[in-house]
């Protein structure tokens, strides 16, 4: 059931879980630590869920975007990040991680946290992230191991 809610977050339970993703906070902090965001970065979050990590990133960056396949998550993230959206600093769209709607070389920093394992075509999502990333930009993908999905306290990370 957790995998179903996670991969297709909708309805009251999905909105609640993604509005309060306490179990993901350590991963979010790791993503931000590894990205080393600056005020000059143009940030993209792929599969932003309820927008918590997005709101943390916007404490530093001034411009960016996010994409999620779930209309409920787009709505929730937009509500959570209303000031940045209304100021024109943040665009949040519904869409597919394998077909990002932005031009090549748009972003300097890209994050995808606790969602990559849900993508049916992870290779296509990686190609799209690479396409929209500026030369010299950074991508951090944080995900759980199979042990993590079963409740293991181990974690690993890779950044490039």
C-alpha atoms as a PDB file:
ATOM      1  CA  UNK A   1       0.000   0.000   0.000  1.00  0.00           C
ATOM      2  CA  UNK A   2       2.832   2.428   0.797  1.00  0.00           C
ATOM      3  CA  UNK A   3       4.322   1.884  -2.677  1.00  0.00           C
ATOM      4  CA  UNK A   4       0.939   2.552  -4.320  1.00  0.00           C
ATOM      5  CA  UNK A   5       0.390   5.775  -2.360  1.00  0.00           C
ATOM      6  CA  UNK A   6       3.977   6.816  -2.993  1.00  0.00           C
ATOM      7  CA  UNK A   7       3.883   6.212  -6.726  1.00  0.00           C
ATOM      8  CA  UNK A   8       0.398   7.681  -7.242  1.00  0.00           C
ATOM      9  CA  UNK A   9      -0.110  10.177  -4.430  1.00  0.00           C
ATOM     10  CA  UNK A  10      -3.677  11.438  -4.442  1.00  0.00           C
ATOM     11  CA  UNK A  11      -6.628  11.828  -2.180  1.00  0.00           C
ATOM     12  CA  UNK A  12      -6.662  12.801   1.461  1.00  0.00           C
ATOM     13  CA  UNK A  13      -4.133  10.222   2.673  1.00  0.00           C
ATOM     14  CA  UNK A  14      -1.654  10.978  -0.114  1.00  0.00           C
ATOM     15  CA  UNK A  15      -1.937  14.731   0.499  1.00  0.00           C
ATOM     16  CA  UNK A  16      -1.432  14.258   4.244  1.00  0.00           C
ATOM     17  CA  UNK A  17       1.613  12.001   3.849  1.00  0.00           C
ATOM     18  CA  UNK A  18       3.282  14.343   1.362  1.00  0.00           C
ATOM     19  CA  UNK A  19       2.385  17.467   3.317  1.00  0.00           C
ATOM     20  CA  UNK A  20       4.223  15.984   6.319  1.00  0.00           C
ATOM     21  CA  UNK A  21       7.045  13.758   4.981  1.00  0.00           C
ATOM     22  CA  UNK A  22       8.927  13.618   8.284  1.00  0.00           C
ATOM     23  CA  UNK A  23      10.621  10.364   7.313  1.00  0.00           C
ATOM     24  CA  UNK A  24      12.249  12.091   4.345  1.00  0.00           C
ATOM     25  CA  UNK A  25      13.731  15.065   6.192  1.00  0.00           C
ATOM     26  CA  UNK A  26      17.167  13.452   6.672  1.00  0.00           C
ATOM     27  CA  UNK A  27      17.308  12.736   2.936  1.00  0.00           C
ATOM     28  CA  UNK A  28      16.219  16.287   2.129  1.00  0.00           C
ATOM     29  CA  UNK A  29      18.993  17.689   4.320  1.00  0.00           C
ATOM     30  CA  UNK A  30      21.527  15.433   2.593  1.00  0.00           C
ATOM     31  CA  UNK A  31      20.363  16.598  -0.837  1.00  0.00           C
ATOM     32  CA  UNK A  32      20.796  20.246   0.121  1.00  0.00           C
ATOM     33  CA  UNK A  33      24.171  19.568   1.717  1.00  0.00           C
ATOM     34  CA  UNK A  34      25.413  17.867  -1.454  1.00  0.00           C
ATOM     35  CA  UNK A  35      23.957  20.461  -3.835  1.00  0.00           C
ATOM     36  CA  UNK A  36      25.592  23.384  -2.012  1.00  0.00           C
ATOM     37  CA  UNK A  37      22.981  25.805  -3.356  1.00  0.00           C
ATOM     38  CA  UNK A  38      23.712  29.491  -3.765  1.00  0.00           C
ATOM     39  CA  UNK A  39      21.522  32.492  -4.407  1.00  0.00           C
ATOM     40  CA  UNK A  40      22.663  32.429  -8.060  1.00  0.00           C
ATOM     41  CA  UNK A  41      21.515  28.866  -8.729  1.00  0.00           C
ATOM     42  CA  UNK A  42      18.547  28.070 -10.912  1.00  0.00           C
ATOM     43  CA  UNK A  43      17.015  25.057  -9.189  1.00  0.00           C
ATOM     44  CA  UNK A  44      14.912  22.211 -10.552  1.00  0.00           C
ATOM     45  CA  UNK A  45      13.223  19.604  -8.424  1.00  0.00           C
ATOM     46  CA  UNK A  46      11.999  16.491 -10.204  1.00  0.00           C
ATOM     47  CA  UNK A  47       9.060  14.820  -8.412  1.00  0.00           C
ATOM     48  CA  UNK A  48       8.721  17.476  -5.730  1.00  0.00           C
ATOM     49  CA  UNK A  49       5.812  15.800  -3.956  1.00  0.00           C
ATOM     50  CA  UNK A  50       4.294  18.139  -1.387  1.00  0.00           C
ATOM     51  CA  UNK A  51       7.030  20.745  -1.858  1.00  0.00           C
ATOM     52  CA  UNK A  52       8.862  20.553   1.478  1.00  0.00           C
ATOM     53  CA  UNK A  53      12.349  20.156  -0.024  1.00  0.00           C
ATOM     54  CA  UNK A  54      11.410  22.783  -2.593  1.00  0.00           C
ATOM     55  CA  UNK A  55      10.549  25.267   0.165  1.00  0.00           C
ATOM     56  CA  UNK A  56      13.869  24.535   1.894  1.00  0.00           C
ATOM     57  CA  UNK A  57      15.784  25.114  -1.357  1.00  0.00           C
ATOM     58  CA  UNK A  58      13.968  28.424  -1.866  1.00  0.00           C
ATOM     59  CA  UNK A  59      15.387  29.679   1.418  1.00  0.00           C
ATOM     60  CA  UNK A  60      18.601  30.000  -0.631  1.00  0.00           C
ATOM     61  CA  UNK A  61      17.806  30.161  -4.354  1.00  0.00           C
ATOM     62  CA  UNK A  62      15.765  32.870  -6.035  1.00  0.00           C
ATOM     63  CA  UNK A  63      14.664  31.120  -9.207  1.00  0.00           C
ATOM     64  CA  UNK A  64      13.605  27.642 -10.181  1.00  0.00           C
ATOM     65  CA  UNK A  65      10.997  25.109 -11.148  1.00  0.00           C
ATOM     66  CA  UNK A  66       9.519  21.777 -10.123  1.00  0.00           C
ATOM     67  CA  UNK A  67       7.635  18.975 -11.826  1.00  0.00           C
ATOM     68  CA  UNK A  68       5.473  16.125 -10.546  1.00  0.00           C
ATOM     69  CA  UNK A  69       3.112  13.736 -12.304  1.00  0.00           C
ATOM     70  CA  UNK A  70       0.446  14.075  -9.596  1.00  0.00           C
ATOM     71  CA  UNK A  71      -2.005  16.987  -9.839  1.00  0.00           C
ATOM     72  CA  UNK A  72      -2.557  16.719  -6.074  1.00  0.00           C
ATOM     73  CA  UNK A  73       1.177  17.142  -5.418  1.00  0.00           C
ATOM     74  CA  UNK A  74       1.419  20.090  -7.811  1.00  0.00           C
ATOM     75  CA  UNK A  75      -1.435  21.749  -5.939  1.00  0.00           C
ATOM     76  CA  UNK A  76       0.060  20.975  -2.517  1.00  0.00           C
ATOM     77  CA  UNK A  77       3.557  22.175  -3.503  1.00  0.00           C
ATOM     78  CA  UNK A  78       2.095  25.331  -5.039  1.00  0.00           C
ATOM     79  CA  UNK A  79       0.198  26.101  -1.837  1.00  0.00           C
ATOM     80  CA  UNK A  80       3.293  25.479   0.306  1.00  0.00           C
ATOM     81  CA  UNK A  81       5.453  27.698  -1.949  1.00  0.00           C
ATOM     82  CA  UNK A  82       2.793  30.309  -2.756  1.00  0.00           C
ATOM     83  CA  UNK A  83       5.021  33.371  -2.178  1.00  0.00           C
ATOM     84  CA  UNK A  84       7.713  32.208  -4.614  1.00  0.00           C
ATOM     85  CA  UNK A  85       5.108  31.169  -7.202  1.00  0.00           C
ATOM     86  CA  UNK A  86       3.211  34.475  -6.923  1.00  0.00           C
ATOM     87  CA  UNK A  87       6.478  36.434  -7.210  1.00  0.00           C
ATOM     88  CA  UNK A  88       7.271  34.630 -10.480  1.00  0.00           C
ATOM     89  CA  UNK A  89      10.388  33.031  -8.997  1.00  0.00           C
ATOM     90  CA  UNK A  90       9.037  29.461  -9.053  1.00  0.00           C
ATOM     91  CA  UNK A  91       7.137  27.483 -11.673  1.00  0.00           C
ATOM     92  CA  UNK A  92       5.519  24.208 -10.592  1.00  0.00           C
ATOM     93  CA  UNK A  93       4.094  22.031 -13.352  1.00  0.00           C
ATOM     94  CA  UNK A  94       2.383  18.697 -13.764  1.00  0.00           C
ATOM     95  CA  UNK A  95       4.292  16.494 -16.153  1.00  0.00           C
ATOM     96  CA  UNK A  96       6.594  13.593 -16.871  1.00  0.00           C
ATOM     97  CA  UNK A  97      10.190  13.358 -15.617  1.00  0.00           C
ATOM     98  CA  UNK A  98      11.027  11.723 -18.948  1.00  0.00           C
ATOM     99  CA  UNK A  99       9.825  14.772 -20.925  1.00  0.00           C
ATOM    100  CA  UNK A 100      10.866  17.885 -19.036  1.00  0.00           C
ATOM    101  CA  UNK A 101       9.234  21.008 -20.523  1.00  0.00           C
ATOM    102  CA  UNK A 102      12.307  23.251 -20.237  1.00  0.00           C
ATOM    103  CA  UNK A 103      15.031  24.146 -22.730  1.00  0.00           C
ATOM    104  CA  UNK A 104      18.513  22.682 -22.738  1.00  0.00           C
ATOM    105  CA  UNK A 105      21.005  24.158 -20.268  1.00  0.00           C
ATOM    106  CA  UNK A 106      18.326  25.859 -18.133  1.00  0.00           C
ATOM    107  CA  UNK A 107      19.223  24.767 -14.587  1.00  0.00           C
ATOM    108  CA  UNK A 108      22.386  24.875 -12.488  1.00  0.00           C
ATOM    109  CA  UNK A 109      21.178  22.518  -9.742  1.00  0.00           C
ATOM    110  CA  UNK A 110      18.755  19.590  -9.935  1.00  0.00           C
ATOM    111  CA  UNK A 111      17.366  17.482  -7.097  1.00  0.00           C
ATOM    112  CA  UNK A 112      15.295  14.322  -7.046  1.00  0.00           C
ATOM    113  CA  UNK A 113      14.680  12.942  -3.574  1.00  0.00           C
ATOM    114  CA  UNK A 114      12.959   9.699  -2.628  1.00  0.00           C
ATOM    115  CA  UNK A 115      11.209   9.355  -5.989  1.00  0.00           C
ATOM    116  CA  UNK A 116      13.682   7.968  -8.523  1.00  0.00           C
ATOM    117  CA  UNK A 117      12.764   4.352  -7.754  1.00  0.00           C
ATOM    118  CA  UNK A 118       9.180   5.076  -8.861  1.00  0.00           C
ATOM    119  CA  UNK A 119      10.162   6.156 -12.396  1.00  0.00           C
ATOM    120  CA  UNK A 120       9.203   3.502 -14.962  1.00  0.00           C
ATOM    121  CA  UNK A 121      12.029   4.691 -17.277  1.00  0.00           C
ATOM    122  CA  UNK A 122      14.842   5.981 -15.037  1.00  0.00           C
ATOM    123  CA  UNK A 123      17.289   6.110 -17.952  1.00  0.00           C
ATOM    124  CA  UNK A 124      15.001   8.522 -19.824  1.00  0.00           C
ATOM    125  CA  UNK A 125      14.586  10.691 -16.717  1.00  0.00           C
ATOM    126  CA  UNK A 126      18.377  10.863 -16.319  1.00  0.00           C
ATOM    127  CA  UNK A 127      18.794  11.872 -19.966  1.00  0.00           C
ATOM    128  CA  UNK A 128      16.239  14.649 -19.506  1.00  0.00           C
ATOM    129  CA  UNK A 129      17.916  15.922 -16.331  1.00  0.00           C
ATOM    130  CA  UNK A 130      21.236  15.976 -18.186  1.00  0.00           C
ATOM    131  CA  UNK A 131      19.640  17.828 -21.127  1.00  0.00           C
ATOM    132  CA  UNK A 132      18.254  20.677 -19.003  1.00  0.00           C
ATOM    133  CA  UNK A 133      21.366  20.939 -16.785  1.00  0.00           C
ATOM    134  CA  UNK A 134      23.876  23.653 -17.637  1.00  0.00           C
ATOM    135  CA  UNK A 135      27.479  22.594 -18.147  1.00  0.00           C
ATOM    136  CA  UNK A 136      29.137  22.499 -14.728  1.00  0.00           C
ATOM    137  CA  UNK A 137      25.777  22.107 -12.967  1.00  0.00           C
ATOM    138  CA  UNK A 138      25.027  19.632 -10.210  1.00  0.00           C
ATOM    139  CA  UNK A 139      22.511  16.820  -9.848  1.00  0.00           C
ATOM    140  CA  UNK A 140      21.729  15.012  -6.608  1.00  0.00           C
ATOM    141  CA  UNK A 141      19.447  11.996  -6.553  1.00  0.00           C
ATOM    142  CA  UNK A 142      18.659  10.590  -3.118  1.00  0.00           C
ATOM    143  CA  UNK A 143      16.921   7.261  -2.995  1.00  0.00           C
ATOM    144  CA  UNK A 144      16.451   4.290  -0.719  1.00  0.00           C
ATOM    145  CA  UNK A 145      18.005   0.897  -1.085  1.00  0.00           C
ATOM    146  CA  UNK A 146      15.707  -2.106  -1.077  1.00  0.00           C
ATOM    147  CA  UNK A 147      16.725  -2.507   2.571  1.00  0.00           C
ATOM    148  CA  UNK A 148      15.563   1.058   3.186  1.00  0.00           C
ATOM    149  CA  UNK A 149      12.211   0.254   1.698  1.00  0.00           C
ATOM    150  CA  UNK A 150      11.859  -2.607   4.167  1.00  0.00           C
ATOM    151  CA  UNK A 151      12.629  -0.331   7.093  1.00  0.00           C
ATOM    152  CA  UNK A 152      16.417  -0.574   7.248  1.00  0.00           C
ATOM    153  CA  UNK A 153      18.177   2.347   8.917  1.00  0.00           C
ATOM    154  CA  UNK A 154      21.061   2.170   6.438  1.00  0.00           C
ATOM    155  CA  UNK A 155      21.298   4.807   3.763  1.00  0.00           C
ATOM    156  CA  UNK A 156      23.596   5.587   0.915  1.00  0.00           C
ATOM    157  CA  UNK A 157      23.984   8.514  -1.407  1.00  0.00           C
ATOM    158  CA  UNK A 158      25.697   9.365  -4.618  1.00  0.00           C
ATOM    159  CA  UNK A 159      26.113  12.788  -6.101  1.00  0.00           C
ATOM    160  CA  UNK A 160      27.623  13.865  -9.346  1.00  0.00           C
END
